[in-house]
Amino acid sequence: MQNLLDKKTPICVDGCLLDLSGHGLTSLEGLSNLFENLPEIRYLWLNKNHLTNDCFDILKQFPNLIEISLQCNNITDTPPSSFDPLSSIVNLYLRDNQIKKNS
């Protein structure tokens, strides 16, 4: 996982924005140490990776998030309970995933 991050430097500005777009990530689990050191993140951009529904469990570590961008990943479902601890979310971007409409 670390080798992927070495290819592109994650961007964190004033502790508010973390941009991990285009890193080829398939999971966020290996990044828990990085996330523990950045609890005040307000904007998290994870576009153009290969993330699945499992990513929502890790996002609960960021109660201060106001924007999450998960565009162009492999997400197929967004369980409502995934966002319960994220009461500050204003913008959620999920375009270009494979989310199926519940019947």
C-alpha atoms as a PDB file:
ATOM      1  CA  MET A   1       0.000   0.000   0.000  1.00  0.00           C
ATOM      2  CA  GLN A   2       2.791   2.434   0.855  1.00  0.00           C
ATOM      3  CA  ASN A   3       4.346   2.019  -2.600  1.00  0.00           C
ATOM      4  CA  LEU A   4       1.129   3.309  -4.167  1.00  0.00           C
ATOM      5  CA  LEU A   5       1.286   6.435  -2.054  1.00  0.00           C
ATOM      6  CA  ASP A   6       4.930   7.014  -2.953  1.00  0.00           C
ATOM      7  CA  LYS A   7       3.980   7.397  -6.627  1.00  0.00           C
ATOM      8  CA  LYS A   8       1.669  10.327  -5.931  1.00  0.00           C
ATOM      9  CA  THR A   9       1.908  12.460  -2.850  1.00  0.00           C
ATOM     10  CA  PRO A  10      -1.346  12.789  -0.900  1.00  0.00           C
ATOM     11  CA  ILE A  11      -2.338  16.405  -0.582  1.00  0.00           C
ATOM     12  CA  CYS A  12      -3.255  17.726   2.841  1.00  0.00           C
ATOM     13  CA  VAL A  13      -3.730  21.458   3.169  1.00  0.00           C
ATOM     14  CA  ASP A  14      -4.001  22.976   6.646  1.00  0.00           C
ATOM     15  CA  GLY A  15      -5.202  19.634   7.974  1.00  0.00           C
ATOM     16  CA  CYS A  16      -8.513  20.115   6.180  1.00  0.00           C
ATOM     17  CA  LEU A  17      -8.179  18.442   2.766  1.00  0.00           C
ATOM     18  CA  LEU A  18      -6.852  14.971   2.029  1.00  0.00           C
ATOM     19  CA  ASP A  19      -6.727  14.061  -1.655  1.00  0.00           C
ATOM     20  CA  LEU A  20      -5.945  10.403  -2.363  1.00  0.00           C
ATOM     21  CA  SER A  21      -7.451  10.410  -5.841  1.00  0.00           C
ATOM     22  CA  GLY A  22      -5.927   8.231  -8.527  1.00  0.00           C
ATOM     23  CA  HIS A  23      -3.735   6.122  -6.249  1.00  0.00           C
ATOM     24  CA  GLY A  24      -5.199   2.777  -7.367  1.00  0.00           C
ATOM     25  CA  LEU A  25      -6.499   2.087  -3.855  1.00  0.00           C
ATOM     26  CA  THR A  26      -8.658  -1.011  -3.456  1.00  0.00           C
ATOM     27  CA  SER A  27      -9.141  -0.561   0.295  1.00  0.00           C
ATOM     28  CA  LEU A  28      -8.630   2.072   2.969  1.00  0.00           C
ATOM     29  CA  GLU A  29      -7.761  -0.415   5.710  1.00  0.00           C
ATOM     30  CA  GLY A  30      -3.991  -0.138   5.224  1.00  0.00           C
ATOM     31  CA  LEU A  31      -4.177   3.626   5.668  1.00  0.00           C
ATOM     32  CA  SER A  32      -5.500   3.646   9.233  1.00  0.00           C
ATOM     33  CA  ASN A  33      -2.204   5.043  10.597  1.00  0.00           C
ATOM     34  CA  LEU A  34      -2.392   7.959   8.176  1.00  0.00           C
ATOM     35  CA  PHE A  35      -6.000   8.614   9.125  1.00  0.00           C
ATOM     36  CA  GLU A  36      -5.292   8.499  12.879  1.00  0.00           C
ATOM     37  CA  ASN A  37      -2.879  11.406  12.453  1.00  0.00           C
ATOM     38  CA  LEU A  38      -5.411  13.511  10.533  1.00  0.00           C
ATOM     39  CA  PRO A  39      -8.623  13.501  12.592  1.00  0.00           C
ATOM     40  CA  GLU A  40      -9.611  17.036  11.629  1.00  0.00           C
ATOM     41  CA  ILE A  41      -9.984  16.353   7.912  1.00  0.00           C
ATOM     42  CA  ARG A  42     -13.001  18.213   6.516  1.00  0.00           C
ATOM     43  CA  TYR A  43     -12.678  17.260   2.824  1.00  0.00           C
ATOM     44  CA  LEU A  44     -11.735  13.751   1.706  1.00  0.00           C
ATOM     45  CA  TRP A  45     -11.271  13.061  -1.987  1.00  0.00           C
ATOM     46  CA  LEU A  46     -10.910   9.420  -3.024  1.00  0.00           C
ATOM     47  CA  ASN A  47     -11.816   9.660  -6.702  1.00  0.00           C
ATOM     48  CA  LYS A  48     -10.542   7.344  -9.450  1.00  0.00           C
ATOM     49  CA  ASN A  49      -9.534   4.429  -7.254  1.00  0.00           C
ATOM     50  CA  HIS A  50     -10.967   0.906  -7.003  1.00  0.00           C
ATOM     51  CA  LEU A  51     -12.764   1.261  -3.679  1.00  0.00           C
ATOM     52  CA  THR A  52     -15.810  -0.845  -2.826  1.00  0.00           C
ATOM     53  CA  ASN A  53     -18.555  -0.637  -0.203  1.00  0.00           C
ATOM     54  CA  ASP A  54     -16.018  -1.549   2.507  1.00  0.00           C
ATOM     55  CA  CYS A  55     -14.646   1.996   2.410  1.00  0.00           C
ATOM     56  CA  PHE A  56     -17.628   3.314   4.371  1.00  0.00           C
ATOM     57  CA  ASP A  57     -16.482   1.572   7.579  1.00  0.00           C
ATOM     58  CA  ILE A  58     -13.211   3.545   7.627  1.00  0.00           C
ATOM     59  CA  LEU A  59     -14.936   6.848   6.852  1.00  0.00           C
ATOM     60  CA  LYS A  60     -16.667   6.703  10.245  1.00  0.00           C
ATOM     61  CA  GLN A  61     -13.307   7.731  11.752  1.00  0.00           C
ATOM     62  CA  PHE A  62     -13.859  11.249  10.424  1.00  0.00           C
ATOM     63  CA  PRO A  63     -16.816  12.834  12.245  1.00  0.00           C
ATOM     64  CA  ASN A  64     -15.812  16.315  11.025  1.00  0.00           C
ATOM     65  CA  LEU A  65     -16.089  15.563   7.305  1.00  0.00           C
ATOM     66  CA  ILE A  66     -18.250  17.951   5.350  1.00  0.00           C
ATOM     67  CA  GLU A  67     -17.370  16.577   1.913  1.00  0.00           C
ATOM     68  CA  ILE A  68     -16.568  13.095   0.641  1.00  0.00           C
ATOM     69  CA  SER A  69     -15.839  12.487  -3.009  1.00  0.00           C
ATOM     70  CA  LEU A  70     -15.844   8.832  -4.077  1.00  0.00           C
ATOM     71  CA  GLN A  71     -16.402   9.314  -7.784  1.00  0.00           C
ATOM     72  CA  CYS A  72     -15.157   6.696 -10.280  1.00  0.00           C
ATOM     73  CA  ASN A  73     -14.785   3.744  -7.893  1.00  0.00           C
ATOM     74  CA  ASN A  74     -16.426   0.299  -7.618  1.00  0.00           C
ATOM     75  CA  ILE A  75     -19.132   1.104  -5.067  1.00  0.00           C
ATOM     76  CA  THR A  76     -22.387  -0.815  -5.592  1.00  0.00           C
ATOM     77  CA  ASP A  77     -24.397   0.135  -2.501  1.00  0.00           C
ATOM     78  CA  THR A  78     -24.636   2.920   0.056  1.00  0.00           C
ATOM     79  CA  PRO A  79     -26.158   1.538   3.250  1.00  0.00           C
ATOM     80  CA  PRO A  80     -27.862   4.417   5.109  1.00  0.00           C
ATOM     81  CA  SER A  81     -26.205   3.406   8.380  1.00  0.00           C
ATOM     82  CA  SER A  82     -22.827   4.139   6.789  1.00  0.00           C
ATOM     83  CA  PHE A  83     -23.413   7.841   7.232  1.00  0.00           C
ATOM     84  CA  ASP A  84     -24.963   7.854  10.721  1.00  0.00           C
ATOM     85  CA  PRO A  85     -21.792   9.032  12.493  1.00  0.00           C
ATOM     86  CA  LEU A  86     -21.108  11.541   9.711  1.00  0.00           C
ATOM     87  CA  SER A  87     -23.722  14.107  10.624  1.00  0.00           C
ATOM     88  CA  SER A  88     -21.669  17.027   9.264  1.00  0.00           C
ATOM     89  CA  ILE A  89     -21.669  15.805   5.646  1.00  0.00           C
ATOM     90  CA  VAL A  90     -22.873  18.496   3.244  1.00  0.00           C
ATOM     91  CA  ASN A  91     -21.571  17.100  -0.052  1.00  0.00           C
ATOM     92  CA  LEU A  92     -21.313  13.434  -1.040  1.00  0.00           C
ATOM     93  CA  TYR A  93     -20.144  12.682  -4.567  1.00  0.00           C
ATOM     94  CA  LEU A  94     -20.692   9.138  -5.866  1.00  0.00           C
ATOM     95  CA  ARG A  95     -20.896   9.663  -9.641  1.00  0.00           C
ATOM     96  CA  ASP A  96     -19.534   6.936 -11.947  1.00  0.00           C
ATOM     97  CA  ASN A  97     -19.887   3.978  -9.591  1.00  0.00           C
ATOM     98  CA  GLN A  98     -22.040   0.883 -10.057  1.00  0.00           C
ATOM     99  CA  ILE A  99     -24.674   1.765  -7.474  1.00  0.00           C
ATOM    100  CA  LYS A 100     -27.835  -0.222  -7.992  1.00  0.00           C
ATOM    101  CA  LYS A 101     -31.229   1.228  -7.279  1.00  0.00           C
ATOM    102  CA  ASN A 102     -33.063  -0.552  -4.457  1.00  0.00           C
ATOM    103  CA  SER A 103     -36.479  -1.811  -5.494  1.00  0.00           C
END
